Amino acid sequence: YGRVVRDACEAGANIIVTGAGLPTNMPEFSKKFPEVAL
């Protein structure tokens, strides 16, 4: 999961949407991309 979030951010996604579980650590993987909405 974390690797795919980083992949999406690096590729230029503006917004990451996550379900299928409680993503309590979601911000961990987009730290370098503060402009990406979670």
PDB file of all heavy atoms in Angstrom:
ATOM      1  N   TYR A   1       0.825  -1.221   0.000  1.00  0.00           N
ATOM      2  CA  TYR A   1       0.000   0.000   0.000  1.00  0.00           C
ATOM      3  C   TYR A   1       0.858   1.271   0.000  1.00  0.00           C
ATOM      4  O   TYR A   1       0.677   2.164  -0.832  1.00  0.00           O
ATOM      5  CB  TYR A   1      -0.934   0.006   1.215  1.00  0.00           C
ATOM      6  CG  TYR A   1      -1.667   1.320   1.408  1.00  0.00           C
ATOM      7  CD1 TYR A   1      -2.751   1.653   0.613  1.00  0.00           C
ATOM      8  CD2 TYR A   1      -1.261   2.244   2.381  1.00  0.00           C
ATOM      9  CE1 TYR A   1      -3.419   2.871   0.776  1.00  0.00           C
ATOM     10  CE2 TYR A   1      -1.911   3.455   2.553  1.00  0.00           C
ATOM     11  CZ  TYR A   1      -2.990   3.759   1.752  1.00  0.00           C
ATOM     12  OH  TYR A   1      -3.641   4.963   1.908  1.00  0.00           O
ATOM     13  N   GLY A   2       1.818   1.347   0.924  1.00  0.00           N
ATOM     14  CA  GLY A   2       2.641   2.549   1.033  1.00  0.00           C
ATOM     15  C   GLY A   2       3.396   2.847  -0.245  1.00  0.00           C
ATOM     16  O   GLY A   2       3.476   4.002  -0.688  1.00  0.00           O
ATOM     17  N   ARG A   3       3.955   1.810  -0.863  1.00  0.00           N
ATOM     18  CA  ARG A   3       4.690   1.992  -2.119  1.00  0.00           C
ATOM     19  C   ARG A   3       3.774   2.523  -3.215  1.00  0.00           C
ATOM     20  O   ARG A   3       4.150   3.431  -3.976  1.00  0.00           O
ATOM     21  CB  ARG A   3       5.303   0.653  -2.531  1.00  0.00           C
ATOM     22  CG  ARG A   3       6.279   0.742  -3.698  1.00  0.00           C
ATOM     23  CD  ARG A   3       5.660   0.431  -5.047  1.00  0.00           C
ATOM     24  NE  ARG A   3       5.180  -0.933  -5.141  1.00  0.00           N
ATOM     25  CZ  ARG A   3       4.517  -1.379  -6.201  1.00  0.00           C
ATOM     26  NH1 ARG A   3       4.220  -0.574  -7.207  1.00  0.00           N
ATOM     27  NH2 ARG A   3       4.073  -2.619  -6.244  1.00  0.00           N
ATOM     28  N   VAL A   4       2.540   2.014  -3.302  1.00  0.00           N
ATOM     29  CA  VAL A   4       1.616   2.442  -4.358  1.00  0.00           C
ATOM     30  C   VAL A   4       1.172   3.895  -4.140  1.00  0.00           C
ATOM     31  O   VAL A   4       1.018   4.659  -5.091  1.00  0.00           O
ATOM     32  CB  VAL A   4       0.413   1.488  -4.456  1.00  0.00           C
ATOM     33  CG1 VAL A   4      -0.570   1.950  -5.543  1.00  0.00           C
ATOM     34  CG2 VAL A   4       0.879   0.061  -4.764  1.00  0.00           C
ATOM     35  N   VAL A   5       0.977   4.296  -2.862  1.00  0.00           N
ATOM     36  CA  VAL A   5       0.659   5.707  -2.572  1.00  0.00           C
ATOM     37  C   VAL A   5       1.794   6.603  -3.065  1.00  0.00           C
ATOM     38  O   VAL A   5       1.553   7.622  -3.738  1.00  0.00           O
ATOM     39  CB  VAL A   5       0.409   5.932  -1.064  1.00  0.00           C
ATOM     40  CG1 VAL A   5       0.299   7.432  -0.762  1.00  0.00           C
ATOM     41  CG2 VAL A   5      -0.857   5.228  -0.618  1.00  0.00           C
ATOM     42  N   ARG A   6       3.033   6.228  -2.763  1.00  0.00           N
ATOM     43  CA  ARG A   6       4.184   7.025  -3.225  1.00  0.00           C
ATOM     44  C   ARG A   6       4.255   7.049  -4.745  1.00  0.00           C
ATOM     45  O   ARG A   6       4.534   8.096  -5.351  1.00  0.00           O
ATOM     46  CB  ARG A   6       5.484   6.479  -2.624  1.00  0.00           C
ATOM     47  CG  ARG A   6       5.660   6.817  -1.143  1.00  0.00           C
ATOM     48  CD  ARG A   6       7.056   6.466  -0.655  1.00  0.00           C
ATOM     49  NE  ARG A   6       7.270   5.035  -0.596  1.00  0.00           N
ATOM     50  CZ  ARG A   6       7.061   4.278   0.478  1.00  0.00           C
ATOM     51  NH1 ARG A   6       6.634   4.835   1.607  1.00  0.00           N
ATOM     52  NH2 ARG A   6       7.285   2.980   0.443  1.00  0.00           N
ATOM     53  N   ASP A   7       3.991   5.905  -5.369  1.00  0.00           N
ATOM     54  CA  ASP A   7       3.996   5.840  -6.841  1.00  0.00           C
ATOM     55  C   ASP A   7       2.985   6.826  -7.428  1.00  0.00           C
ATOM     56  O   ASP A   7       3.283   7.534  -8.393  1.00  0.00           O
ATOM     57  CB  ASP A   7       3.632   4.429  -7.317  1.00  0.00           C
ATOM     58  CG  ASP A   7       4.709   3.396  -7.022  1.00  0.00           C
ATOM     59  OD1 ASP A   7       5.829   3.796  -6.636  1.00  0.00           O
ATOM     60  OD2 ASP A   7       4.411   2.192  -7.173  1.00  0.00           O
ATOM     61  N   ALA A   8       1.783   6.867  -6.855  1.00  0.00           N
ATOM     62  CA  ALA A   8       0.729   7.750  -7.354  1.00  0.00           C
ATOM     63  C   ALA A   8       1.112   9.212  -7.181  1.00  0.00           C
ATOM     64  O   ALA A   8       0.907  10.038  -8.081  1.00  0.00           O
ATOM     65  CB  ALA A   8      -0.588   7.448  -6.645  1.00  0.00           C
ATOM     66  N   CYS A   9       1.673   9.528  -6.027  1.00  0.00           N
ATOM     67  CA  CYS A   9       2.106  10.916  -5.767  1.00  0.00           C
ATOM     68  C   CYS A   9       3.197  11.339  -6.742  1.00  0.00           C
ATOM     69  O   CYS A   9       3.147  12.432  -7.323  1.00  0.00           O
ATOM     70  CB  CYS A   9       2.594  11.068  -4.330  1.00  0.00           C
ATOM     71  SG  CYS A   9       1.328  10.874  -3.069  1.00  0.00           S
ATOM     72  N   GLU A  10       4.174  10.460  -6.943  1.00  0.00           N
ATOM     73  CA  GLU A  10       5.277  10.772  -7.855  1.00  0.00           C
ATOM     74  C   GLU A  10       4.792  10.947  -9.285  1.00  0.00           C
ATOM     75  O   GLU A  10       5.348  11.749 -10.051  1.00  0.00           O
ATOM     76  CB  GLU A  10       6.337   9.660  -7.801  1.00  0.00           C
ATOM     77  CG  GLU A  10       7.143   9.645  -6.517  1.00  0.00           C
ATOM     78  CD  GLU A  10       8.061   8.436  -6.417  1.00  0.00           C
ATOM     79  OE1 GLU A  10       8.219   7.722  -7.434  1.00  0.00           O
ATOM     80  OE2 GLU A  10       8.615   8.205  -5.326  1.00  0.00           O
ATOM     81  N   ALA A  11       3.737  10.215  -9.646  1.00  0.00           N
ATOM     82  CA  ALA A  11       3.213  10.273 -11.018  1.00  0.00           C
ATOM     83  C   ALA A  11       2.312  11.481 -11.251  1.00  0.00           C
ATOM     84  O   ALA A  11       1.901  11.723 -12.390  1.00  0.00           O
ATOM     85  CB  ALA A  11       2.450   8.983 -11.330  1.00  0.00           C
ATOM     86  N   GLY A  12       1.995  12.222 -10.182  1.00  0.00           N
ATOM     87  CA  GLY A  12       1.231  13.450 -10.373  1.00  0.00           C
ATOM     88  C   GLY A  12      -0.219  13.413  -9.939  1.00  0.00           C
ATOM     89  O   GLY A  12      -0.992  14.300 -10.316  1.00  0.00           O
ATOM     90  N   ALA A  13      -0.604  12.427  -9.137  1.00  0.00           N
ATOM     91  CA  ALA A  13      -1.978  12.425  -8.605  1.00  0.00           C
ATOM     92  C   ALA A  13      -2.171  13.630  -7.698  1.00  0.00           C
ATOM     93  O   ALA A  13      -1.275  13.994  -6.938  1.00  0.00           O
ATOM     94  CB  ALA A  13      -2.246  11.143  -7.823  1.00  0.00           C
ATOM     95  N   ASN A  14      -3.351  14.250  -7.770  1.00  0.00           N
ATOM     96  CA  ASN A  14      -3.660  15.395  -6.905  1.00  0.00           C
ATOM     97  C   ASN A  14      -4.348  14.973  -5.619  1.00  0.00           C
ATOM     98  O   ASN A  14      -4.203  15.629  -4.586  1.00  0.00           O
ATOM     99  CB  ASN A  14      -4.575  16.385  -7.629  1.00  0.00           C
ATOM    100  CG  ASN A  14      -3.985  16.873  -8.938  1.00  0.00           C
ATOM    101  OD1 ASN A  14      -4.561  16.648  -9.994  1.00  0.00           O
ATOM    102  ND2 ASN A  14      -2.841  17.527  -8.892  1.00  0.00           N
ATOM    103  N   ILE A  15      -5.111  13.881  -5.697  1.00  0.00           N
ATOM    104  CA  ILE A  15      -5.935  13.441  -4.561  1.00  0.00           C
ATOM    105  C   ILE A  15      -5.831  11.929  -4.454  1.00  0.00           C
ATOM    106  O   ILE A  15      -5.965  11.221  -5.456  1.00  0.00           O
ATOM    107  CB  ILE A  15      -7.408  13.868  -4.757  1.00  0.00           C
ATOM    108  CG1 ILE A  15      -7.513  15.409  -4.795  1.00  0.00           C
ATOM    109  CG2 ILE A  15      -8.314  13.296  -3.658  1.00  0.00           C
ATOM    110  CD1 ILE A  15      -8.887  15.937  -5.230  1.00  0.00           C
ATOM    111  N   ILE A  16      -5.577  11.422  -3.243  1.00  0.00           N
ATOM    112  CA  ILE A  16      -5.555   9.979  -2.996  1.00  0.00           C
ATOM    113  C   ILE A  16      -6.782   9.615  -2.169  1.00  0.00           C
ATOM    114  O   ILE A  16      -7.030  10.209  -1.113  1.00  0.00           O
ATOM    115  CB  ILE A  16      -4.288   9.537  -2.229  1.00  0.00           C
ATOM    116  CG1 ILE A  16      -3.007   9.968  -2.967  1.00  0.00           C
ATOM    117  CG2 ILE A  16      -4.301   8.025  -1.995  1.00  0.00           C
ATOM    118  CD1 ILE A  16      -2.748   9.265  -4.257  1.00  0.00           C
ATOM    119  N   VAL A  17      -7.542   8.639  -2.648  1.00  0.00           N
ATOM    120  CA  VAL A  17      -8.730   8.151  -1.945  1.00  0.00           C
ATOM    121  C   VAL A  17      -8.451   6.717  -1.504  1.00  0.00           C
ATOM    122  O   VAL A  17      -7.994   5.897  -2.295  1.00  0.00           O
ATOM    123  CB  VAL A  17      -9.968   8.185  -2.861  1.00  0.00           C
ATOM    124  CG1 VAL A  17     -11.212   7.706  -2.116  1.00  0.00           C
ATOM    125  CG2 VAL A  17     -10.190   9.592  -3.420  1.00  0.00           C
ATOM    126  N   THR A  18      -8.720   6.410  -0.225  1.00  0.00           N
ATOM    127  CA  THR A  18      -8.425   5.069   0.291  1.00  0.00           C
ATOM    128  C   THR A  18      -9.559   4.525   1.133  1.00  0.00           C
ATOM    129  O   THR A  18     -10.032   5.182   2.057  1.00  0.00           O
ATOM    130  CB  THR A  18      -7.130   5.084   1.139  1.00  0.00           C
ATOM    131  OG1 THR A  18      -6.001   5.219   0.287  1.00  0.00           O
ATOM    132  CG2 THR A  18      -6.973   3.778   1.927  1.00  0.00           C
ATOM    133  N   GLY A  19      -9.988   3.298   0.795  1.00  0.00           N
ATOM    134  CA  GLY A  19     -10.966   2.559   1.589  1.00  0.00           C
ATOM    135  C   GLY A  19     -10.474   1.145   1.820  1.00  0.00           C
ATOM    136  O   GLY A  19      -9.278   0.872   1.710  1.00  0.00           O
ATOM    137  N   ALA A  20     -11.386   0.228   2.140  1.00  0.00           N
ATOM    138  CA  ALA A  20     -11.052  -1.178   2.423  1.00  0.00           C
ATOM    139  C   ALA A  20     -10.086  -1.291   3.593  1.00  0.00           C
ATOM    140  O   ALA A  20      -8.999  -1.857   3.494  1.00  0.00           O
ATOM    141  CB  ALA A  20     -10.501  -1.886   1.187  1.00  0.00           C
ATOM    142  N   GLY A  21     -10.491  -0.711   4.717  1.00  0.00           N
ATOM    143  CA  GLY A  21      -9.678  -0.716   5.926  1.00  0.00           C
ATOM    144  C   GLY A  21      -9.552   0.695   6.470  1.00  0.00           C
ATOM    145  O   GLY A  21      -9.969   1.661   5.815  1.00  0.00           O
ATOM    146  N   LEU A  22      -9.015   0.818   7.664  1.00  0.00           N
ATOM    147  CA  LEU A  22      -8.844   2.136   8.283  1.00  0.00           C
ATOM    148  C   LEU A  22      -7.420   2.636   8.022  1.00  0.00           C
ATOM    149  O   LEU A  22      -6.465   2.151   8.658  1.00  0.00           O
ATOM    150  CB  LEU A  22      -9.081   2.055   9.797  1.00  0.00           C
ATOM    151  CG  LEU A  22     -10.522   2.104  10.299  1.00  0.00           C
ATOM    152  CD1 LEU A  22     -10.528   2.083  11.823  1.00  0.00           C
ATOM    153  CD2 LEU A  22     -11.256   3.324   9.780  1.00  0.00           C
ATOM    154  N   PRO A  23      -7.243   3.599   7.133  1.00  0.00           N
ATOM    155  CA  PRO A  23      -5.888   4.048   6.773  1.00  0.00           C
ATOM    156  C   PRO A  23      -5.303   5.015   7.796  1.00  0.00           C
ATOM    157  O   PRO A  23      -5.097   6.200   7.530  1.00  0.00           O
ATOM    158  CB  PRO A  23      -6.112   4.726   5.414  1.00  0.00           C
ATOM    159  CG  PRO A  23      -7.507   5.260   5.492  1.00  0.00           C
ATOM    160  CD  PRO A  23      -8.280   4.282   6.342  1.00  0.00           C
ATOM    161  N   THR A  24      -5.003   4.513   8.985  1.00  0.00           N
ATOM    162  CA  THR A  24      -4.531   5.369  10.082  1.00  0.00           C
ATOM    163  C   THR A  24      -3.132   5.930   9.830  1.00  0.00           C
ATOM    164  O   THR A  24      -2.733   6.907  10.456  1.00  0.00           O
ATOM    165  CB  THR A  24      -4.539   4.596  11.417  1.00  0.00           C
ATOM    166  OG1 THR A  24      -3.809   3.374  11.239  1.00  0.00           O
ATOM    167  CG2 THR A  24      -5.955   4.278  11.855  1.00  0.00           C
ATOM    168  N   ASN A  25      -2.370   5.292   8.920  1.00  0.00           N
ATOM    169  CA  ASN A  25      -1.014   5.781   8.632  1.00  0.00           C
ATOM    170  C   ASN A  25      -0.897   6.337   7.213  1.00  0.00           C
ATOM    171  O   ASN A  25       0.210   6.506   6.693  1.00  0.00           O
ATOM    172  CB  ASN A  25       0.020   4.671   8.850  1.00  0.00           C
ATOM    173  CG  ASN A  25      -0.224   3.462   7.944  1.00  0.00           C
ATOM    174  OD1 ASN A  25      -1.284   3.336   7.344  1.00  0.00           O
ATOM    175  ND2 ASN A  25       0.755   2.576   7.869  1.00  0.00           N
ATOM    176  N   MET A  26      -1.994   6.649   6.591  1.00  0.00           N
ATOM    177  CA  MET A  26      -2.005   7.138   5.207  1.00  0.00           C
ATOM    178  C   MET A  26      -1.054   8.330   4.971  1.00  0.00           C
ATOM    179  O   MET A  26      -0.319   8.350   3.981  1.00  0.00           O
ATOM    180  CB  MET A  26      -3.448   7.505   4.834  1.00  0.00           C
ATOM    181  CG  MET A  26      -3.691   7.813   3.371  1.00  0.00           C
ATOM    182  SD  MET A  26      -5.463   8.200   3.162  1.00  0.00           S
ATOM    183  CE  MET A  26      -5.555   8.575   1.428  1.00  0.00           C
ATOM    184  N   PRO A  27      -1.023   9.338   5.864  1.00  0.00           N
ATOM    185  CA  PRO A  27      -0.147  10.486   5.616  1.00  0.00           C
ATOM    186  C   PRO A  27       1.341  10.144   5.615  1.00  0.00           C
ATOM    187  O   PRO A  27       2.153  10.915   5.094  1.00  0.00           O
ATOM    188  CB  PRO A  27      -0.476  11.438   6.777  1.00  0.00           C
ATOM    189  CG  PRO A  27      -1.833  11.027   7.252  1.00  0.00           C
ATOM    190  CD  PRO A  27      -1.863   9.546   7.066  1.00  0.00           C
ATOM    191  N   GLU A  28       1.689   9.006   6.206  1.00  0.00           N
ATOM    192  CA  GLU A  28       3.091   8.598   6.288  1.00  0.00           C
ATOM    193  C   GLU A  28       3.729   8.515   4.901  1.00  0.00           C
ATOM    194  O   GLU A  28       4.911   8.833   4.722  1.00  0.00           O
ATOM    195  CB  GLU A  28       3.168   7.218   6.969  1.00  0.00           C
ATOM    196  CG  GLU A  28       4.559   6.719   7.266  1.00  0.00           C
ATOM    197  CD  GLU A  28       5.210   7.463   8.419  1.00  0.00           C
ATOM    198  OE1 GLU A  28       4.505   7.845   9.371  1.00  0.00           O
ATOM    199  OE2 GLU A  28       6.436   7.673   8.336  1.00  0.00           O
ATOM    200  N   PHE A  29       2.930   8.099   3.926  1.00  0.00           N
ATOM    201  CA  PHE A  29       3.480   7.769   2.618  1.00  0.00           C
ATOM    202  C   PHE A  29       3.431   8.929   1.626  1.00  0.00           C
ATOM    203  O   PHE A  29       3.897   8.793   0.500  1.00  0.00           O
ATOM    204  CB  PHE A  29       2.750   6.554   2.060  1.00  0.00           C
ATOM    205  CG  PHE A  29       2.674   5.425   3.042  1.00  0.00           C
ATOM    206  CD1 PHE A  29       1.459   5.058   3.621  1.00  0.00           C
ATOM    207  CD2 PHE A  29       3.820   4.745   3.432  1.00  0.00           C
ATOM    208  CE1 PHE A  29       1.392   4.033   4.553  1.00  0.00           C
ATOM    209  CE2 PHE A  29       3.761   3.720   4.361  1.00  0.00           C
ATOM    210  CZ  PHE A  29       2.544   3.359   4.929  1.00  0.00           C
ATOM    211  N   SER A  30       2.843  10.045   2.035  1.00  0.00           N
ATOM    212  CA  SER A  30       2.768  11.200   1.126  1.00  0.00           C
ATOM    213  C   SER A  30       3.465  12.423   1.726  1.00  0.00           C
ATOM    214  O   SER A  30       3.222  13.550   1.299  1.00  0.00           O
ATOM    215  CB  SER A  30       1.302  11.538   0.823  1.00  0.00           C
ATOM    216  OG  SER A  30       0.615  11.927   2.004  1.00  0.00           O
ATOM    217  N   LYS A  31       4.344  12.184   2.705  1.00  0.00           N
ATOM    218  CA  LYS A  31       5.018  13.288   3.412  1.00  0.00           C
ATOM    219  C   LYS A  31       5.757  14.242   2.466  1.00  0.00           C
ATOM    220  O   LYS A  31       5.777  15.443   2.670  1.00  0.00           O
ATOM    221  CB  LYS A  31       6.033  12.724   4.416  1.00  0.00           C
ATOM    222  CG  LYS A  31       5.430  12.242   5.725  1.00  0.00           C
ATOM    223  CD  LYS A  31       6.543  11.702   6.615  1.00  0.00           C
ATOM    224  CE  LYS A  31       5.999  11.231   7.954  1.00  0.00           C
ATOM    225  NZ  LYS A  31       7.069  10.613   8.777  1.00  0.00           N
ATOM    226  N   LYS A  32       6.348  13.687   1.436  1.00  0.00           N
ATOM    227  CA  LYS A  32       7.130  14.509   0.506  1.00  0.00           C
ATOM    228  C   LYS A  32       6.249  15.254  -0.502  1.00  0.00           C
ATOM    229  O   LYS A  32       6.760  15.980  -1.352  1.00  0.00           O
ATOM    230  CB  LYS A  32       8.144  13.631  -0.239  1.00  0.00           C
ATOM    231  CG  LYS A  32       9.215  13.032   0.660  1.00  0.00           C
ATOM    232  CD  LYS A  32      10.178  12.175  -0.148  1.00  0.00           C
ATOM    233  CE  LYS A  32      11.237  11.549   0.758  1.00  0.00           C
ATOM    234  NZ  LYS A  32      12.156  10.650  -0.007  1.00  0.00           N
ATOM    235  N   PHE A  33       4.946  15.036  -0.411  1.00  0.00           N
ATOM    236  CA  PHE A  33       4.018  15.621  -1.377  1.00  0.00           C
ATOM    237  C   PHE A  33       2.884  16.338  -0.640  1.00  0.00           C
ATOM    238  O   PHE A  33       1.725  15.901  -0.665  1.00  0.00           O
ATOM    239  CB  PHE A  33       3.451  14.535  -2.296  1.00  0.00           C
ATOM    240  CG  PHE A  33       4.512  13.731  -2.999  1.00  0.00           C
ATOM    241  CD1 PHE A  33       5.010  12.566  -2.423  1.00  0.00           C
ATOM    242  CD2 PHE A  33       5.034  14.155  -4.210  1.00  0.00           C
ATOM    243  CE1 PHE A  33       5.999  11.823  -3.057  1.00  0.00           C
ATOM    244  CE2 PHE A  33       6.015  13.417  -4.860  1.00  0.00           C
ATOM    245  CZ  PHE A  33       6.512  12.251  -4.276  1.00  0.00           C
ATOM    246  N   PRO A  34       3.190  17.446   0.052  1.00  0.00           N
ATOM    247  CA  PRO A  34       2.170  18.120   0.871  1.00  0.00           C
ATOM    248  C   PRO A  34       1.002  18.670   0.068  1.00  0.00           C
ATOM    249  O   PRO A  34      -0.067  18.925   0.621  1.00  0.00           O
ATOM    250  CB  PRO A  34       2.952  19.253   1.543  1.00  0.00           C
ATOM    251  CG  PRO A  34       4.159  19.468   0.681  1.00  0.00           C
ATOM    252  CD  PRO A  34       4.493  18.128   0.108  1.00  0.00           C
ATOM    253  N   GLU A  35       1.186  18.816  -1.248  1.00  0.00           N
ATOM    254  CA  GLU A  35       0.098  19.342  -2.086  1.00  0.00           C
ATOM    255  C   GLU A  35      -0.942  18.272  -2.430  1.00  0.00           C
ATOM    256  O   GLU A  35      -2.021  18.584  -2.935  1.00  0.00           O
ATOM    257  CB  GLU A  35       0.676  19.938  -3.385  1.00  0.00           C
ATOM    258  CG  GLU A  35       1.184  18.930  -4.396  1.00  0.00           C
ATOM    259  CD  GLU A  35       2.541  18.301  -4.059  1.00  0.00           C
ATOM    260  OE1 GLU A  35       3.143  18.678  -3.033  1.00  0.00           O
ATOM    261  OE2 GLU A  35       2.996  17.432  -4.830  1.00  0.00           O
ATOM    262  N   VAL A  36      -0.625  16.995  -2.154  1.00  0.00           N
ATOM    263  CA  VAL A  36      -1.562  15.907  -2.457  1.00  0.00           C
ATOM    264  C   VAL A  36      -2.601  15.797  -1.346  1.00  0.00           C
ATOM    265  O   VAL A  36      -2.263  15.640  -0.171  1.00  0.00           O
ATOM    266  CB  VAL A  36      -0.816  14.561  -2.624  1.00  0.00           C
ATOM    267  CG1 VAL A  36      -1.802  13.419  -2.826  1.00  0.00           C
ATOM    268  CG2 VAL A  36       0.148  14.640  -3.812  1.00  0.00           C
ATOM    269  N   ALA A  37      -3.879  15.901  -1.714  1.00  0.00           N
ATOM    270  CA  ALA A  37      -4.969  15.799  -0.735  1.00  0.00           C
ATOM    271  C   ALA A  37      -5.237  14.334  -0.410  1.00  0.00           C
ATOM    272  O   ALA A  37      -5.161  13.465  -1.280  1.00  0.00           O
ATOM    273  CB  ALA A  37      -6.221  16.459  -1.293  1.00  0.00           C
ATOM    274  N   LEU A  38      -5.567  14.066   0.867  1.00  0.00           N
ATOM    275  CA  LEU A  38      -5.801  12.701   1.339  1.00  0.00           C
ATOM    276  C   LEU A  38      -7.250  12.543   1.769  1.00  0.00           C
ATOM    277  O   LEU A  38      -7.752  13.302   2.600  1.00  0.00           O
ATOM    278  CB  LEU A  38      -4.865  12.377   2.502  1.00  0.00           C
ATOM    279  CG  LEU A  38      -3.357  12.512   2.215  1.00  0.00           C
ATOM    280  CD1 LEU A  38      -2.549  12.132   3.445  1.00  0.00           C
ATOM    281  CD2 LEU A  38      -2.942  11.674   1.009  1.00  0.00           C
TER     282      LEU A  38
END
